[in-house]
Amino acid sequence: MADASLWTALADPHRRAIVALLLERPRSVGEIVEASGLSQPSTSKHLKVLREAGLVQVRQDAQRRVYALDPAPIAELDAWLAPYRTLWNTSLDRLGRRLDETSVDPEEPTTED
């Protein structure tokens, strides 16, 4: 099962927004602050949680810290979710078949007057 720290890190909407930003490309702290609308101290705290959970990596680029996603923990979450995805797909397929069976043909006249 995926490490609990991954779930904890991703439970916060601000951290999920930061992960979404980093999905596009690596970014400096300043870019993340600007894009997220959070203060620099708040952004740094969120980045620390993401780093400690292993979701992001940081590298020094002169005076800047550049953050990037680490794909390994995301792959671990994806693997853990795979059986549930199959369950959801099966349920959605059954629902789709049921809706197809009960749907009204738009060309058919209705009995409503």
C-alpha atoms as a PDB file:
ATOM      1  CA  MET A   1       0.000   0.000   0.000  1.00  0.00           C
ATOM      2  CA  ALA A   2       1.092   3.557  -0.632  1.00  0.00           C
ATOM      3  CA  ASP A   3       2.876   5.285   2.245  1.00  0.00           C
ATOM      4  CA  ALA A   4       0.500   7.217   4.515  1.00  0.00           C
ATOM      5  CA  SER A   5       2.655  10.334   4.143  1.00  0.00           C
ATOM      6  CA  LEU A   6       1.733  10.432   0.425  1.00  0.00           C
ATOM      7  CA  TRP A   7      -1.970  10.513   1.268  1.00  0.00           C
ATOM      8  CA  THR A   8      -1.405  13.103   3.982  1.00  0.00           C
ATOM      9  CA  ALA A   9       0.616  15.299   1.635  1.00  0.00           C
ATOM     10  CA  LEU A  10      -2.007  15.084  -1.091  1.00  0.00           C
ATOM     11  CA  ALA A  11      -4.926  15.687   1.282  1.00  0.00           C
ATOM     12  CA  ASP A  12      -4.313  19.435   1.247  1.00  0.00           C
ATOM     13  CA  PRO A  13      -5.764  21.291  -1.773  1.00  0.00           C
ATOM     14  CA  HIS A  14      -2.849  23.761  -1.867  1.00  0.00           C
ATOM     15  CA  ARG A  15      -0.360  20.916  -2.114  1.00  0.00           C
ATOM     16  CA  ARG A  16      -2.418  19.246  -4.847  1.00  0.00           C
ATOM     17  CA  ALA A  17      -2.359  22.560  -6.723  1.00  0.00           C
ATOM     18  CA  ILE A  18       1.431  22.708  -6.366  1.00  0.00           C
ATOM     19  CA  VAL A  19       1.708  19.126  -7.656  1.00  0.00           C
ATOM     20  CA  ALA A  20      -0.459  20.130 -10.640  1.00  0.00           C
ATOM     21  CA  LEU A  21       1.857  23.083 -11.340  1.00  0.00           C
ATOM     22  CA  LEU A  22       4.903  20.820 -11.192  1.00  0.00           C
ATOM     23  CA  LEU A  23       3.225  18.350 -13.507  1.00  0.00           C
ATOM     24  CA  GLU A  24       3.610  20.955 -16.253  1.00  0.00           C
ATOM     25  CA  ARG A  25       7.320  21.507 -15.595  1.00  0.00           C
ATOM     26  CA  PRO A  26       9.890  22.060 -12.826  1.00  0.00           C
ATOM     27  CA  ARG A  27       9.548  25.466 -11.182  1.00  0.00           C
ATOM     28  CA  SER A  28      11.433  27.707  -8.812  1.00  0.00           C
ATOM     29  CA  VAL A  29       9.930  28.592  -5.451  1.00  0.00           C
ATOM     30  CA  GLY A  30       9.237  32.111  -6.737  1.00  0.00           C
ATOM     31  CA  GLU A  31       7.289  30.749  -9.700  1.00  0.00           C
ATOM     32  CA  ILE A  32       5.267  28.482  -7.414  1.00  0.00           C
ATOM     33  CA  VAL A  33       4.517  31.404  -5.075  1.00  0.00           C
ATOM     34  CA  GLU A  34       3.355  33.543  -7.995  1.00  0.00           C
ATOM     35  CA  ALA A  35       1.249  30.817  -9.625  1.00  0.00           C
ATOM     36  CA  SER A  36      -0.316  29.548  -6.390  1.00  0.00           C
ATOM     37  CA  GLY A  37      -1.129  32.914  -4.838  1.00  0.00           C
ATOM     38  CA  LEU A  38       0.241  31.723  -1.492  1.00  0.00           C
ATOM     39  CA  SER A  39       2.801  33.566   0.581  1.00  0.00           C
ATOM     40  CA  GLN A  40       6.431  32.493   0.310  1.00  0.00           C
ATOM     41  CA  PRO A  41       6.533  31.052   3.860  1.00  0.00           C
ATOM     42  CA  SER A  42       3.299  29.102   3.289  1.00  0.00           C
ATOM     43  CA  THR A  43       4.538  27.794  -0.060  1.00  0.00           C
ATOM     44  CA  SER A  44       7.820  26.702   1.542  1.00  0.00           C
ATOM     45  CA  LYS A  45       5.931  24.790   4.245  1.00  0.00           C
ATOM     46  CA  HIS A  46       3.836  22.992   1.623  1.00  0.00           C
ATOM     47  CA  LEU A  47       6.924  22.183  -0.424  1.00  0.00           C
ATOM     48  CA  LYS A  48       8.596  20.763   2.677  1.00  0.00           C
ATOM     49  CA  VAL A  49       5.668  18.384   3.245  1.00  0.00           C
ATOM     50  CA  LEU A  50       5.749  17.326  -0.410  1.00  0.00           C
ATOM     51  CA  ARG A  51       9.519  16.826  -0.256  1.00  0.00           C
ATOM     52  CA  GLU A  52       9.346  14.778   2.949  1.00  0.00           C
ATOM     53  CA  ALA A  53       6.628  12.593   1.387  1.00  0.00           C
ATOM     54  CA  GLY A  54       8.959  12.010  -1.560  1.00  0.00           C
ATOM     55  CA  LEU A  55       6.607  13.601  -4.089  1.00  0.00           C
ATOM     56  CA  VAL A  56       9.007  16.326  -5.181  1.00  0.00           C
ATOM     57  CA  GLN A  57      12.732  16.706  -5.629  1.00  0.00           C
ATOM     58  CA  VAL A  58      14.641  19.945  -5.234  1.00  0.00           C
ATOM     59  CA  ARG A  59      17.851  21.093  -6.855  1.00  0.00           C
ATOM     60  CA  GLN A  60      19.870  24.211  -6.339  1.00  0.00           C
ATOM     61  CA  ASP A  61      20.249  26.462  -9.402  1.00  0.00           C
ATOM     62  CA  ALA A  62      22.524  29.340  -8.342  1.00  0.00           C
ATOM     63  CA  GLN A  63      20.434  31.208  -5.748  1.00  0.00           C
ATOM     64  CA  ARG A  64      17.173  29.486  -6.678  1.00  0.00           C
ATOM     65  CA  ARG A  65      15.668  26.217  -5.562  1.00  0.00           C
ATOM     66  CA  VAL A  66      13.923  24.400  -8.386  1.00  0.00           C
ATOM     67  CA  TYR A  67      11.286  21.793  -7.583  1.00  0.00           C
ATOM     68  CA  ALA A  68      10.218  18.919  -9.816  1.00  0.00           C
ATOM     69  CA  LEU A  69       7.851  15.992  -9.381  1.00  0.00           C
ATOM     70  CA  ASP A  70       9.302  12.610  -8.539  1.00  0.00           C
ATOM     71  CA  PRO A  71       7.241  10.146 -10.610  1.00  0.00           C
ATOM     72  CA  ALA A  72       7.983   7.076  -8.423  1.00  0.00           C
ATOM     73  CA  PRO A  73       5.504   7.855  -5.593  1.00  0.00           C
ATOM     74  CA  ILE A  74       2.803   8.764  -8.124  1.00  0.00           C
ATOM     75  CA  ALA A  75       3.377   5.408  -9.857  1.00  0.00           C
ATOM     76  CA  GLU A  76       3.070   3.706  -6.456  1.00  0.00           C
ATOM     77  CA  LEU A  77      -0.280   5.420  -5.859  1.00  0.00           C
ATOM     78  CA  ASP A  78      -1.428   4.485  -9.355  1.00  0.00           C
ATOM     79  CA  ALA A  79      -0.534   0.831  -8.777  1.00  0.00           C
ATOM     80  CA  TRP A  80      -2.376   0.829  -5.463  1.00  0.00           C
ATOM     81  CA  LEU A  81      -5.477   2.361  -7.098  1.00  0.00           C
ATOM     82  CA  ALA A  82      -5.512  -0.046 -10.087  1.00  0.00           C
ATOM     83  CA  PRO A  83      -7.860  -2.659  -8.564  1.00  0.00           C
ATOM     84  CA  TYR A  84     -10.283   0.065  -7.498  1.00  0.00           C
ATOM     85  CA  ARG A  85     -10.193   1.578 -10.972  1.00  0.00           C
ATOM     86  CA  THR A  86     -11.207  -1.833 -12.364  1.00  0.00           C
ATOM     87  CA  LEU A  87     -14.069  -1.973  -9.859  1.00  0.00           C
ATOM     88  CA  TRP A  88     -15.235   1.531 -10.794  1.00  0.00           C
ATOM     89  CA  ASN A  89     -14.992   0.807 -14.520  1.00  0.00           C
ATOM     90  CA  THR A  90     -17.035  -2.378 -14.117  1.00  0.00           C
ATOM     91  CA  SER A  91     -19.700  -0.496 -12.165  1.00  0.00           C
ATOM     92  CA  LEU A  92     -19.761   2.333 -14.689  1.00  0.00           C
ATOM     93  CA  ASP A  93     -20.023  -0.156 -17.568  1.00  0.00           C
ATOM     94  CA  ARG A  94     -23.053  -1.770 -15.872  1.00  0.00           C
ATOM     95  CA  LEU A  95     -24.619   1.645 -15.338  1.00  0.00           C
ATOM     96  CA  GLY A  96     -24.019   2.538 -18.980  1.00  0.00           C
ATOM     97  CA  ARG A  97     -25.686  -0.678 -20.159  1.00  0.00           C
ATOM     98  CA  ARG A  98     -28.655  -0.036 -17.857  1.00  0.00           C
ATOM     99  CA  LEU A  99     -29.040   3.514 -19.113  1.00  0.00           C
ATOM    100  CA  ASP A 100     -28.862   2.276 -22.703  1.00  0.00           C
ATOM    101  CA  GLU A 101     -31.639  -0.219 -21.948  1.00  0.00           C
ATOM    102  CA  THR A 102     -33.914   2.394 -20.406  1.00  0.00           C
ATOM    103  CA  SER A 103     -33.183   5.354 -22.660  1.00  0.00           C
ATOM    104  CA  VAL A 104     -35.970   6.854 -24.742  1.00  0.00           C
ATOM    105  CA  ASP A 105     -35.484   7.135 -28.483  1.00  0.00           C
ATOM    106  CA  PRO A 106     -35.781  10.875 -29.349  1.00  0.00           C
ATOM    107  CA  GLU A 107     -37.516   9.936 -32.613  1.00  0.00           C
ATOM    108  CA  GLU A 108     -40.277   8.006 -30.816  1.00  0.00           C
ATOM    109  CA  PRO A 109     -43.429   9.943 -30.013  1.00  0.00           C
ATOM    110  CA  THR A 110     -44.116  10.350 -26.314  1.00  0.00           C
ATOM    111  CA  THR A 111     -47.422   9.733 -24.579  1.00  0.00           C
ATOM    112  CA  GLU A 112     -47.320  13.084 -22.783  1.00  0.00           C
ATOM    113  CA  ASP A 113     -49.947  15.565 -23.928  1.00  0.00           C
END
